[in-house]
Amino acid sequence: MSNVIVKDIPDIIRQGLASGWKTHNGATLQNDLTLECDVVIIGTGAGGGTTAEILTQMGLKVIMVEEGPLRSSTDFNMQENRAYSDLYQEGLTRASSDGAFTIMQGRAVGGTTTVNWTSSFRTPEQTLQHWTEVHGLKGFSVAEMAPWFEKMEQRLSVAKWAIKPNANNSVLSDGCTKLGLHWDIIPRNVKNCWNLGYCGMGCPTNAKQSMLVTTIPSALNGGAQLVYRARAEKLLIENEKVKGVLCHAMADDSVHRTGKKIRIQAKHTVMACGGINGPALLLRSEAPDPHERIGKRTFLHPVPGTLAEFSQKIEGYYGAPQSTYSDAFQWKDGVTGPIGYKLEVPPMQPGFVATIGMGHGQMHSDQINRLPYLNMMLALLRDGFHEDSQGGSISLRSDGMPAIDYPINDYLRDGVRRALHSMAEIQFAAGALKVRPVHTVGHYGNTLAEVKQQIDALDMEVNCMRIGSAHVMGGCAMGEDVKTSVVDSLGKFHHLDGLHILDGSIFPTSIGANPQLSIYGMVARAATRLGETLKA
């Protein structure tokens, strides 16, 4: 397969490098490196990539900084063992300090957009209204944000998936139809998609319109520079103004330092390194934080799941990973009531299912041997909208790396149980033979009544239930009140000049949907305003 792909699909990255793009690989530096620019952008994911293209097009001299490697379609061979260690934070072992949460987050040029499953939703109207009314944001009404979402949808070819959903996604739609529940088709940021199903390992056909193949090449073609395998250690702060960033050059494994340092001096700095690494960078930099808001209200869309076995083959490892969803339980109890959740399915690659699906011994072996017949369903719990949902926090470990703490309380446990009930009911309605809540002691039940009884009896304490996350939001919340936020409604840091934060870390709550399009739209608006200010 890889030879065919290499032959038929142009490698955008290798072509760009051959054309003379200005790039620096931290792993190969023989000496320390010093660079200067108008704007340094730390992070190359949804926020960083969008910002880089916009500011470069406005004539500003931009340097992008990325901790991970620069990969391309030729490198993406759809092998889990290589992709997870190469393209994800901490080799896909990033987790909360107590081990309760497993966190999937990209670490490569393009950030998580390089490895996500392409689901692209506008920020829900209810979320935007909540931000405006409760958190005092300016410019976030549905009408004000609509043109920015439309701009980025056009830029990244976002549209509802036009091909028939695979059997894994059809379980969700079929079950919802039987029960009279809402479901719909997911918009995806793809163009000429081969429908392979291995989006989480990097797209080998360049169909996924990630930052890796869209905004970053655009910025580099416009004269921007890229420094990769470079971990931002500290912001350069002088007289209450940020003047750039100091980075450690990283080895080929993107884990160990080479000993070389990279100093980038800039007239303005944009942080776009996410809801975990971003707060950690501010804390290492000893950025002013008079009201102790940095790293607070970190949201993860806590995700429980259920596995179901069918008599017919599902083969959920083939086809678009996510193409159907349900919001039947998202706003059912209002915005600020019991926690709501969005229902989706994940791709069913064997390594992913073996890890996330849990189980031990013979049960685990039997489960994996039945993989072609399994469906998994996920619930994205919408955290941050209720007073009992304050999210988690980011602090520093003794080695300066981020520690993630996310307390699990009764409010969250209630949401997990209700979500497990909903997913089991949908799976049985779709024809499942048996269903198992993903839990340390979860087992397959043959009837809905049996599974619901099991769910109600499960121990929901830390490390008993299985919770994952692929969406890190918050930690540097935006707002106009400096006592409750870190940046203003356009991402400007409250307590230092020369610094903007433009990524999902500035969301004051979770989104209630896969967040990439929310980041694109919000950042397009803020980066455009920033560029206008810097050019004035």
Protein backbone atom coordinates (compact mmCIF):
# COMPACT_ATOMS: atom_id res chain seq x y z
CA MET A 1 0.00 0.00 0.00
CA SER A 2 2.71 2.50 0.95
CA ASN A 3 4.52 2.14 -2.39
CA VAL A 4 1.32 2.86 -4.29
CA ILE A 5 0.62 5.89 -2.14
CA VAL A 6 4.11 7.30 -2.50
CA LYS A 7 3.90 6.86 -6.26
CA ASP A 8 0.47 8.38 -6.80
CA ILE A 9 0.25 11.11 -4.11
CA PRO A 10 2.56 14.14 -4.22
CA ASP A 11 4.44 14.58 -0.95
CA ILE A 12 3.66 18.22 -0.15
CA ILE A 13 6.26 18.48 2.59
CA ARG A 14 9.16 16.96 0.66
CA GLN A 15 8.33 19.07 -2.37
CA GLY A 16 8.31 22.18 -0.19
CA LEU A 17 11.63 21.34 1.42
CA ALA A 18 13.13 20.79 -2.01
CA SER A 19 11.81 24.18 -3.11
CA GLY A 20 13.78 25.95 -0.39
CA TRP A 21 11.55 26.27 2.65
CA LYS A 22 13.39 27.74 5.63
CA THR A 23 13.40 25.05 8.31
CA HIS A 24 15.60 24.12 11.25
CA ASN A 25 15.72 20.64 12.80
CA GLY A 26 16.73 20.86 16.44
CA ALA A 27 18.06 17.30 16.37
CA THR A 28 20.75 18.17 13.80
CA LEU A 29 21.98 21.49 15.22
CA GLN A 30 25.73 21.57 15.76
CA ASN A 31 25.61 24.87 17.65
CA ASP A 32 23.16 27.02 19.53
CA LEU A 33 20.78 28.91 17.23
CA THR A 34 19.51 32.50 17.48
CA LEU A 35 16.75 33.81 15.21
CA GLU A 36 14.74 37.03 14.96
CA CYS A 37 11.27 37.73 13.63
CA ASP A 38 8.17 39.86 13.93
CA VAL A 39 6.09 37.06 15.46
CA VAL A 40 7.14 33.73 16.94
CA ILE A 41 4.34 31.16 17.15
CA ILE A 42 4.85 28.35 19.66
CA GLY A 43 2.92 25.31 18.46
CA THR A 44 1.81 24.29 14.98
CA GLY A 45 -1.62 22.77 15.58
CA ALA A 46 -5.04 24.26 14.87
CA GLY A 47 -4.21 27.55 16.58
CA GLY A 48 -0.59 27.90 15.52
CA GLY A 49 -1.09 26.85 11.92
CA THR A 50 -4.04 29.18 11.41
CA THR A 51 -2.19 32.09 12.98
CA ALA A 52 0.93 31.47 10.91
CA GLU A 53 -0.89 31.57 7.59
CA ILE A 54 -2.89 34.70 8.43
CA LEU A 55 0.07 36.71 9.75
CA THR A 56 2.36 35.63 6.92
CA GLN A 57 -0.23 36.69 4.36
CA MET A 58 -0.34 40.08 6.09
CA GLY A 59 3.39 40.53 5.42
CA LEU A 60 4.77 39.76 8.88
CA LYS A 61 7.96 37.79 9.38
CA VAL A 62 6.89 34.62 11.20
CA ILE A 63 8.75 31.75 12.85
CA MET A 64 6.83 28.62 13.91
CA VAL A 65 8.15 26.41 16.72
CA GLU A 66 7.21 22.73 17.16
CA GLU A 67 8.35 20.23 19.78
CA GLY A 68 7.73 17.17 17.63
CA PRO A 69 9.03 15.91 14.28
CA LEU A 70 8.26 17.04 10.75
CA ARG A 71 6.55 14.14 9.01
CA SER A 72 4.76 13.83 5.68
CA SER A 73 2.49 11.54 3.69
CA THR A 74 5.43 9.35 2.70
CA ASP A 75 6.14 8.66 6.37
CA PHE A 76 2.58 7.71 7.29
CA ASN A 77 2.48 3.92 6.86
CA MET A 78 -0.70 3.28 8.89
CA GLN A 79 1.18 1.28 11.55
CA GLU A 80 0.02 1.91 15.11
CA ASN A 81 3.29 1.02 16.82
CA ARG A 82 5.19 3.67 14.90
CA ALA A 83 2.53 6.37 14.78
CA TYR A 84 1.71 6.44 18.48
CA SER A 85 5.32 6.73 19.61
CA ASP A 86 6.25 9.21 16.88
CA LEU A 87 3.26 11.52 16.59
CA TYR A 88 1.68 11.74 20.07
CA GLN A 89 2.59 13.45 23.31
CA GLU A 90 4.58 11.12 25.55
CA GLY A 91 4.17 8.30 23.03
CA LEU A 92 0.42 8.15 23.70
CA THR A 93 1.05 7.62 27.41
CA ARG A 94 0.13 11.15 28.53
CA ALA A 95 -2.22 10.82 31.49
CA SER A 96 -3.51 12.61 34.55
CA SER A 97 -1.32 12.38 37.64
CA ASP A 98 -3.52 9.72 39.24
CA GLY A 99 -3.72 7.69 36.05
CA ALA A 100 -7.50 8.10 35.79
CA PHE A 101 -7.40 9.85 32.41
CA THR A 102 -5.58 8.74 29.27
CA ILE A 103 -5.03 11.78 27.05
CA MET A 104 -4.52 11.54 23.27
CA GLN A 105 -2.71 14.64 22.04
CA GLY A 106 -0.57 15.20 18.97
CA ARG A 107 3.13 16.03 19.01
CA ALA A 108 4.32 16.72 15.47
CA VAL A 109 4.23 19.51 12.92
CA GLY A 110 0.52 20.10 12.49
CA GLY A 111 -0.14 19.19 16.12
CA THR A 112 -3.24 17.15 16.85
CA THR A 113 -4.69 18.12 13.46
CA THR A 114 -2.16 15.72 11.92
CA VAL A 115 -3.58 12.75 13.83
CA ASN A 116 -7.19 13.61 14.67
CA TRP A 117 -10.22 11.85 13.21
CA THR A 118 -11.35 14.91 11.16
CA SER A 119 -14.67 15.69 12.93
CA SER A 120 -15.34 19.40 12.40
CA PHE A 121 -18.21 21.06 14.28
CA ARG A 122 -18.95 24.74 14.76
CA THR A 123 -19.10 25.79 18.41
CA PRO A 124 -22.65 25.02 19.56
CA GLU A 125 -24.95 28.02 19.88
CA GLN A 126 -25.61 27.11 23.52
CA THR A 127 -21.89 27.22 24.29
CA LEU A 128 -21.38 30.59 22.63
CA GLN A 129 -24.35 32.03 24.49
CA HIS A 130 -23.07 30.64 27.80
CA TRP A 131 -19.65 32.17 27.21
CA THR A 132 -21.22 35.54 26.48
CA GLU A 133 -23.68 35.58 29.35
CA VAL A 134 -21.73 33.79 32.09
CA HIS A 135 -18.07 34.46 31.22
CA GLY A 136 -18.51 37.93 29.71
CA LEU A 137 -16.83 37.26 26.37
CA LYS A 138 -17.10 39.85 23.63
CA GLY A 139 -17.55 39.02 19.94
CA PHE A 140 -18.74 35.44 20.44
CA SER A 141 -22.37 35.60 19.41
CA VAL A 142 -23.52 33.14 16.75
CA ALA A 143 -23.84 35.98 14.22
CA GLU A 144 -20.38 37.38 15.02
CA MET A 145 -18.65 34.01 14.77
CA ALA A 146 -20.49 32.66 11.71
CA PRO A 147 -18.31 34.39 9.07
CA TRP A 148 -15.13 33.12 10.72
CA PHE A 149 -16.41 29.56 10.82
CA GLU A 150 -17.46 29.84 7.19
CA LYS A 151 -14.05 31.21 6.23
CA MET A 152 -12.23 28.27 7.80
CA GLU A 153 -14.73 25.71 6.53
CA GLN A 154 -14.00 26.90 3.01
CA ARG A 155 -10.26 27.01 3.65
CA LEU A 156 -10.16 23.44 4.99
CA SER A 157 -12.86 21.80 2.84
CA VAL A 158 -15.18 21.11 5.77
CA ALA A 159 -18.43 19.45 4.69
CA LYS A 160 -20.73 16.64 5.79
CA TRP A 161 -19.29 13.25 4.89
CA ALA A 162 -20.91 12.25 1.60
CA ILE A 163 -20.00 8.53 1.57
CA LYS A 164 -22.14 5.96 3.36
CA PRO A 165 -20.98 5.58 6.99
CA ASN A 166 -19.10 2.40 7.79
CA ALA A 167 -20.77 -0.30 9.89
CA ASN A 168 -19.17 1.01 13.10
CA ASN A 169 -20.79 4.43 12.65
CA SER A 170 -24.02 2.85 11.41
CA VAL A 171 -24.49 1.19 14.79
CA LEU A 172 -24.97 4.66 16.25
CA SER A 173 -27.33 5.88 13.52
CA ASP A 174 -29.31 2.64 13.35
CA GLY A 175 -29.76 2.44 17.11
CA CYS A 176 -30.80 6.08 17.38
CA THR A 177 -33.27 5.62 14.53
CA LYS A 178 -34.85 2.61 16.26
CA LEU A 179 -35.19 4.60 19.48
CA GLY A 180 -36.38 7.82 17.85
CA LEU A 181 -33.29 9.73 18.96
CA HIS A 182 -31.44 12.50 17.14
CA TRP A 183 -28.47 11.65 14.96
CA ASP A 184 -26.76 13.30 12.01
CA ILE A 185 -23.76 13.11 9.68
CA ILE A 186 -20.46 14.58 10.86
CA PRO A 187 -18.73 17.34 8.84
CA ARG A 188 -15.13 16.36 8.04
CA ASN A 189 -12.14 18.43 6.88
CA VAL A 190 -11.13 16.19 3.98
CA LYS A 191 -10.67 16.45 0.23
CA ASN A 192 -10.47 13.46 -2.14
CA CYS A 193 -10.51 11.10 0.85
CA TRP A 194 -9.65 7.44 0.17
CA ASN A 195 -11.86 6.31 3.10
CA LEU A 196 -9.01 4.24 4.57
CA GLY A 197 -9.86 4.68 8.24
CA TYR A 198 -6.34 5.28 9.59
CA CYS A 199 -6.62 9.04 10.21
CA GLY A 200 -5.14 8.66 13.70
CA MET A 201 -1.81 7.55 12.23
CA GLY A 202 -1.41 10.52 9.89
CA CYS A 203 -3.02 10.73 6.46
CA PRO A 204 -0.93 8.93 3.79
CA THR A 205 -2.93 10.49 0.94
CA ASN A 206 -2.97 14.14 2.12
CA ALA A 207 -6.77 14.03 2.05
CA LYS A 208 -7.07 15.27 5.63
CA GLN A 209 -6.88 19.04 5.44
CA SER A 210 -4.74 19.35 8.54
CA MET A 211 -2.38 22.23 9.26
CA LEU A 212 0.42 19.98 7.98
CA VAL A 213 -0.82 20.19 4.38
CA THR A 214 -2.70 23.52 4.35
CA THR A 215 -1.75 26.54 6.45
CA ILE A 216 1.80 25.51 7.32
CA PRO A 217 2.90 24.98 3.68
CA SER A 218 1.12 28.23 2.86
CA ALA A 219 3.06 30.09 5.55
CA LEU A 220 6.37 28.52 4.51
CA ASN A 221 5.70 29.39 0.88
CA GLY A 222 5.11 32.95 2.06
CA GLY A 223 8.52 33.19 3.72
CA ALA A 224 7.82 31.94 7.25
CA GLN A 225 10.36 29.72 8.99
CA LEU A 226 9.78 26.46 10.87
CA VAL A 227 11.85 25.25 13.81
CA TYR A 228 10.96 21.69 14.81
CA ARG A 229 12.21 19.29 17.44
CA ALA A 230 12.39 22.35 19.68
CA ARG A 231 10.71 22.41 23.10
CA ALA A 232 9.78 25.85 24.41
CA GLU A 233 11.36 26.16 27.84
CA LYS A 234 10.76 29.78 28.85
CA LEU A 235 9.34 32.99 27.48
CA LEU A 236 11.85 35.82 27.27
CA ILE A 237 10.34 38.45 29.57
CA GLU A 238 11.86 41.91 30.03
CA ASN A 239 10.19 44.86 31.72
CA GLU A 240 6.72 43.25 31.64
CA LYS A 241 6.98 42.51 27.92
CA VAL A 242 7.49 39.17 26.17
CA LYS A 243 10.31 39.36 23.65
CA GLY A 244 10.47 35.80 22.36
CA VAL A 245 11.17 32.32 23.59
CA LEU A 246 14.07 30.11 24.66
CA CYS A 247 13.86 26.49 23.47
CA HIS A 248 15.74 23.26 24.02
CA ALA A 249 16.76 21.38 20.88
CA MET A 250 15.34 17.86 21.03
CA ALA A 251 16.85 14.60 19.81
CA ASP A 252 15.30 12.44 17.09
CA ASP A 253 13.02 10.82 19.65
CA SER A 254 11.60 14.27 20.57
CA VAL A 255 12.06 13.24 24.21
CA HIS A 256 15.71 13.84 25.11
CA ARG A 257 17.50 17.16 24.84
CA THR A 258 20.59 17.48 22.68
CA GLY A 259 22.13 20.19 24.86
CA LYS A 260 21.78 22.88 22.18
CA LYS A 261 19.58 25.90 22.78
CA ILE A 262 17.43 27.89 20.38
CA ARG A 263 16.71 31.53 21.16
CA ILE A 264 14.05 33.28 19.09
CA GLN A 265 13.72 37.01 19.60
CA ALA A 266 10.42 38.43 18.45
CA LYS A 267 8.48 41.68 18.52
CA HIS A 268 5.41 39.63 19.43
CA THR A 269 4.86 36.11 20.75
CA VAL A 270 1.89 33.83 20.16
CA MET A 271 1.46 30.76 22.31
CA ALA A 272 -0.49 27.99 20.58
CA CYS A 273 0.88 24.98 22.43
CA GLY A 274 -2.34 23.66 23.96
CA GLY A 275 -4.15 23.35 27.24
CA ILE A 276 -1.41 21.32 28.94
CA ASN A 277 1.91 22.51 27.52
CA GLY A 278 0.74 26.15 27.37
CA PRO A 279 0.03 26.65 31.08
CA ALA A 280 3.21 24.72 31.87
CA LEU A 281 5.24 27.13 29.72
CA LEU A 282 3.73 30.13 31.51
CA LEU A 283 4.47 28.56 34.89
CA ARG A 284 8.09 27.76 33.94
CA SER A 285 8.44 31.33 32.70
CA GLU A 286 7.14 32.67 36.02
CA ALA A 287 4.64 34.80 34.10
CA PRO A 288 2.69 37.17 36.36
CA ASP A 289 -0.47 35.54 37.67
CA PRO A 290 -1.83 37.75 40.46
CA HIS A 291 -5.14 35.91 40.68
CA GLU A 292 -3.68 32.40 40.20
CA ARG A 293 -5.68 31.57 37.07
CA ILE A 294 -2.95 29.97 34.96
CA GLY A 295 -3.58 26.25 34.61
CA LYS A 296 -7.00 26.39 36.28
CA ARG A 297 -10.29 25.20 34.72
CA THR A 298 -8.69 22.67 32.40
CA PHE A 299 -11.36 20.67 30.58
CA LEU A 300 -11.04 17.28 28.92
CA HIS A 301 -14.44 16.18 27.60
CA PRO A 302 -14.21 13.07 29.84
CA VAL A 303 -15.00 10.07 27.64
CA PRO A 304 -16.45 6.75 28.87
CA GLY A 305 -17.22 3.98 26.39
CA THR A 306 -19.08 0.74 25.78
CA LEU A 307 -18.15 -2.23 23.59
CA ALA A 308 -20.77 -4.27 21.74
CA GLU A 309 -20.50 -7.54 19.85
CA PHE A 310 -22.60 -8.23 16.75
CA SER A 311 -23.33 -11.36 14.73
CA GLN A 312 -22.31 -9.62 11.50
CA LYS A 313 -18.86 -8.18 10.81
CA ILE A 314 -18.40 -4.52 11.75
CA GLU A 315 -14.70 -4.13 10.81
CA GLY A 316 -14.54 -0.68 12.35
CA TYR A 317 -10.88 -0.30 11.41
CA TYR A 318 -11.93 0.44 7.79
CA GLY A 319 -13.65 3.59 6.57
CA ALA A 320 -13.98 7.14 7.88
CA PRO A 321 -13.40 6.89 11.66
CA GLN A 322 -16.22 9.23 12.65
CA SER A 323 -19.12 10.01 10.33
CA THR A 324 -22.23 9.94 12.56
CA TYR A 325 -23.04 11.52 15.91
CA SER A 326 -25.93 12.09 18.28
CA ASP A 327 -26.74 15.14 20.38
CA ALA A 328 -29.84 13.52 21.85
CA PHE A 329 -28.38 13.85 25.36
CA GLN A 330 -26.24 16.95 24.84
CA TRP A 331 -28.63 19.71 25.96
CA LYS A 332 -31.47 17.53 27.27
CA ASP A 333 -31.26 18.99 30.79
CA GLY A 334 -30.33 22.51 29.77
CA VAL A 335 -26.91 24.11 29.56
CA THR A 336 -26.20 24.20 33.29
CA GLY A 337 -28.05 21.09 34.47
CA PRO A 338 -26.71 17.54 34.87
CA ILE A 339 -23.77 16.99 32.56
CA GLY A 340 -24.70 16.48 28.91
CA TYR A 341 -22.85 14.39 26.36
CA LYS A 342 -22.29 13.95 22.65
CA LEU A 343 -22.23 10.39 21.27
CA GLU A 344 -19.73 9.24 18.63
CA VAL A 345 -17.73 6.14 17.78
CA PRO A 346 -13.93 5.70 17.54
CA PRO A 347 -11.94 3.80 14.89
CA MET A 348 -11.26 0.20 15.88
CA GLN A 349 -7.58 -0.35 15.15
CA PRO A 350 -6.37 -3.37 17.19
CA GLY A 351 -3.75 -1.59 19.30
CA PHE A 352 -6.19 1.17 20.20
CA VAL A 353 -8.98 -1.24 21.13
CA ALA A 354 -6.63 -3.53 23.07
CA THR A 355 -5.51 -0.58 25.20
CA ILE A 356 -8.70 1.42 25.56
CA GLY A 357 -10.99 -1.62 25.71
CA MET A 358 -9.22 -3.03 28.78
CA GLY A 359 -9.74 -6.56 30.05
CA HIS A 360 -7.31 -9.24 31.24
CA GLY A 361 -6.36 -12.81 30.45
CA GLN A 362 -8.80 -14.98 28.54
CA MET A 363 -11.47 -12.27 28.41
CA HIS A 364 -9.05 -9.86 26.80
CA SER A 365 -7.88 -12.50 24.32
CA ASP A 366 -11.44 -13.43 23.40
CA GLN A 367 -12.38 -9.78 22.97
CA ILE A 368 -9.54 -9.02 20.57
CA ASN A 369 -10.16 -12.23 18.64
CA ARG A 370 -13.71 -10.97 18.08
CA LEU A 371 -12.48 -7.52 16.97
CA PRO A 372 -14.09 -7.68 13.47
CA TYR A 373 -17.48 -8.07 15.17
CA LEU A 374 -17.05 -5.29 17.76
CA ASN A 375 -18.42 -1.77 17.89
CA MET A 376 -17.31 0.82 20.41
CA MET A 377 -19.32 3.87 21.34
CA LEU A 378 -18.03 6.98 23.10
CA ALA A 379 -19.65 9.80 25.05
CA LEU A 380 -18.00 13.23 25.18
CA LEU A 381 -19.08 14.66 28.53
CA ARG A 382 -19.53 18.43 28.34
CA ASP A 383 -17.58 19.69 31.37
CA GLY A 384 -17.32 23.25 32.70
CA PHE A 385 -20.91 24.49 32.51
CA HIS A 386 -22.00 23.70 36.09
CA GLU A 387 -20.61 24.91 39.41
CA ASP A 388 -19.77 21.31 40.28
CA SER A 389 -17.74 20.97 37.07
CA GLN A 390 -14.63 23.09 37.56
CA GLY A 391 -12.41 20.82 35.48
CA GLY A 392 -8.81 20.13 36.38
CA SER A 393 -5.55 22.01 36.78
CA ILE A 394 -2.04 22.07 35.37
CA SER A 395 1.01 22.36 37.59
CA LEU A 396 4.71 21.58 37.22
CA ARG A 397 6.44 18.36 38.17
CA SER A 398 9.90 18.45 39.69
CA ASP A 399 11.42 18.12 36.20
CA GLY A 400 9.47 21.13 34.90
CA MET A 401 7.07 19.06 32.81
CA PRO A 402 3.30 19.47 33.19
CA ALA A 403 1.28 17.53 35.73
CA ILE A 404 -2.43 17.12 35.03
CA ASP A 405 -4.89 16.83 37.89
CA TYR A 406 -8.60 16.28 37.27
CA PRO A 407 -10.76 15.45 40.32
CA ILE A 408 -13.63 13.02 39.75
CA ASN A 409 -16.73 13.95 41.75
CA ASP A 410 -20.33 12.78 42.01
CA TYR A 411 -21.47 15.20 39.30
CA LEU A 412 -19.11 13.56 36.81
CA ARG A 413 -19.88 10.03 38.01
CA ASP A 414 -23.57 10.63 37.44
CA GLY A 415 -22.83 11.70 33.87
CA VAL A 416 -20.67 8.63 33.25
CA ARG A 417 -23.41 6.27 34.42
CA ARG A 418 -26.10 7.95 32.36
CA ALA A 419 -23.85 7.94 29.28
CA LEU A 420 -23.09 4.23 29.70
CA HIS A 421 -26.83 3.54 29.95
CA SER A 422 -27.53 5.55 26.78
CA MET A 423 -24.81 3.87 24.74
CA ALA A 424 -25.80 0.35 25.80
CA GLU A 425 -29.42 1.04 24.91
CA ILE A 426 -28.46 2.30 21.45
CA GLN A 427 -26.16 -0.66 20.79
CA PHE A 428 -28.82 -3.21 21.75
CA ALA A 429 -31.37 -1.32 19.64
CA ALA A 430 -28.97 -1.64 16.70
CA GLY A 431 -28.88 -5.42 17.13
CA ALA A 432 -25.95 -6.06 19.49
CA LEU A 433 -25.70 -9.58 20.88
CA LYS A 434 -24.04 -8.35 24.05
CA VAL A 435 -22.63 -5.14 25.50
CA ARG A 436 -19.84 -4.39 27.94
CA PRO A 437 -19.17 -1.11 29.78
CA VAL A 438 -15.49 -0.27 29.46
CA HIS A 439 -14.43 -0.55 33.08
CA THR A 440 -11.80 -2.46 35.03
CA VAL A 441 -14.38 -5.09 36.02
CA GLY A 442 -16.87 -4.56 33.20
CA HIS A 443 -18.15 -7.73 31.56
CA TYR A 444 -20.44 -8.52 28.64
CA GLY A 445 -24.15 -8.70 29.35
CA ASN A 446 -26.73 -10.29 27.05
CA THR A 447 -29.67 -7.99 27.78
CA LEU A 448 -30.11 -4.27 28.31
CA ALA A 449 -31.57 -4.85 31.77
CA GLU A 450 -28.55 -6.93 32.76
CA VAL A 451 -26.07 -4.33 31.49
CA LYS A 452 -27.90 -1.43 33.14
CA GLN A 453 -27.89 -3.30 36.45
CA GLN A 454 -24.16 -3.89 36.04
CA ILE A 455 -23.51 -0.20 35.26
CA ASP A 456 -25.41 0.92 38.36
CA ALA A 457 -23.28 -1.38 40.52
CA LEU A 458 -19.89 -0.39 39.08
CA ASP A 459 -17.34 1.30 41.32
CA MET A 460 -16.75 4.74 39.81
CA GLU A 461 -13.73 5.66 41.88
CA VAL A 462 -10.43 6.76 40.34
CA ASN A 463 -8.71 4.01 38.35
CA CYS A 464 -11.76 1.75 38.51
CA MET A 465 -13.69 3.33 35.67
CA ARG A 466 -11.95 3.92 32.36
CA ILE A 467 -11.99 7.54 31.15
CA GLY A 468 -10.16 8.92 28.15
CA SER A 469 -9.78 12.28 26.46
CA ALA A 470 -8.68 13.56 23.07
CA HIS A 471 -9.77 17.16 23.67
CA VAL A 472 -7.75 19.37 26.02
CA MET A 473 -9.33 22.78 26.55
CA GLY A 474 -8.97 25.60 29.06
CA GLY A 475 -6.14 26.36 31.45
CA CYS A 476 -5.69 29.92 30.13
CA ALA A 477 -9.33 31.06 30.07
CA MET A 478 -10.37 34.14 28.14
CA GLY A 479 -12.57 36.85 29.62
CA GLU A 480 -12.64 40.58 30.21
CA ASP A 481 -12.39 40.28 34.00
CA VAL A 482 -8.71 39.96 34.90
CA LYS A 483 -9.61 38.34 38.21
CA THR A 484 -11.19 35.30 36.56
CA SER A 485 -9.29 34.95 33.28
CA VAL A 486 -5.81 34.84 31.76
CA VAL A 487 -6.40 36.53 28.39
CA ASP A 488 -9.05 38.84 26.95
CA SER A 489 -11.63 37.92 24.31
CA LEU A 490 -9.03 38.27 21.54
CA GLY A 491 -6.38 36.20 23.31
CA LYS A 492 -4.19 39.04 24.64
CA PHE A 493 -2.45 38.10 27.90
CA HIS A 494 -3.73 40.33 30.70
CA HIS A 495 -0.51 40.92 32.60
CA LEU A 496 2.23 41.16 29.95
CA ASP A 497 2.63 43.04 26.69
CA GLY A 498 3.71 41.30 23.52
CA LEU A 499 1.90 38.01 24.20
CA HIS A 500 -1.23 36.41 22.77
CA ILE A 501 -2.53 32.89 23.41
CA LEU A 502 -4.44 31.54 20.42
CA ASP A 503 -5.56 27.95 20.86
CA GLY A 504 -8.06 25.79 22.74
CA SER A 505 -6.47 26.62 26.10
CA ILE A 506 -8.36 29.92 26.19
CA PHE A 507 -11.83 28.36 26.06
CA PRO A 508 -13.61 29.15 29.38
CA THR A 509 -15.44 25.79 29.29
CA SER A 510 -15.29 22.72 27.12
CA ILE A 511 -16.96 23.00 23.72
CA GLY A 512 -19.48 20.18 23.76
CA ALA A 513 -18.14 19.05 20.37
CA ASN A 514 -14.83 18.07 18.79
CA PRO A 515 -12.97 21.38 19.15
CA GLN A 516 -10.83 21.84 16.04
CA LEU A 517 -13.27 24.03 14.07
CA SER A 518 -13.98 26.07 17.20
CA ILE A 519 -10.24 26.76 17.40
CA TYR A 520 -9.98 27.58 13.70
CA GLY A 521 -12.83 30.09 13.78
CA MET A 522 -11.85 31.75 17.04
CA VAL A 523 -8.18 31.99 16.06
CA ALA A 524 -8.91 33.28 12.54
CA ARG A 525 -10.81 36.16 14.10
CA ALA A 526 -8.21 36.92 16.77
CA ALA A 527 -5.16 36.49 14.51
CA THR A 528 -6.64 38.82 11.92
CA ARG A 529 -7.18 41.49 14.57
CA LEU A 530 -3.66 40.91 15.91
CA GLY A 531 -2.16 41.26 12.44
CA GLU A 532 -4.02 44.51 11.87
CA THR A 533 -2.68 45.85 15.16
CA LEU A 534 0.90 44.81 14.46
CA LYS A 535 0.81 46.31 10.96
CA ALA A 536 -0.68 49.62 12.14
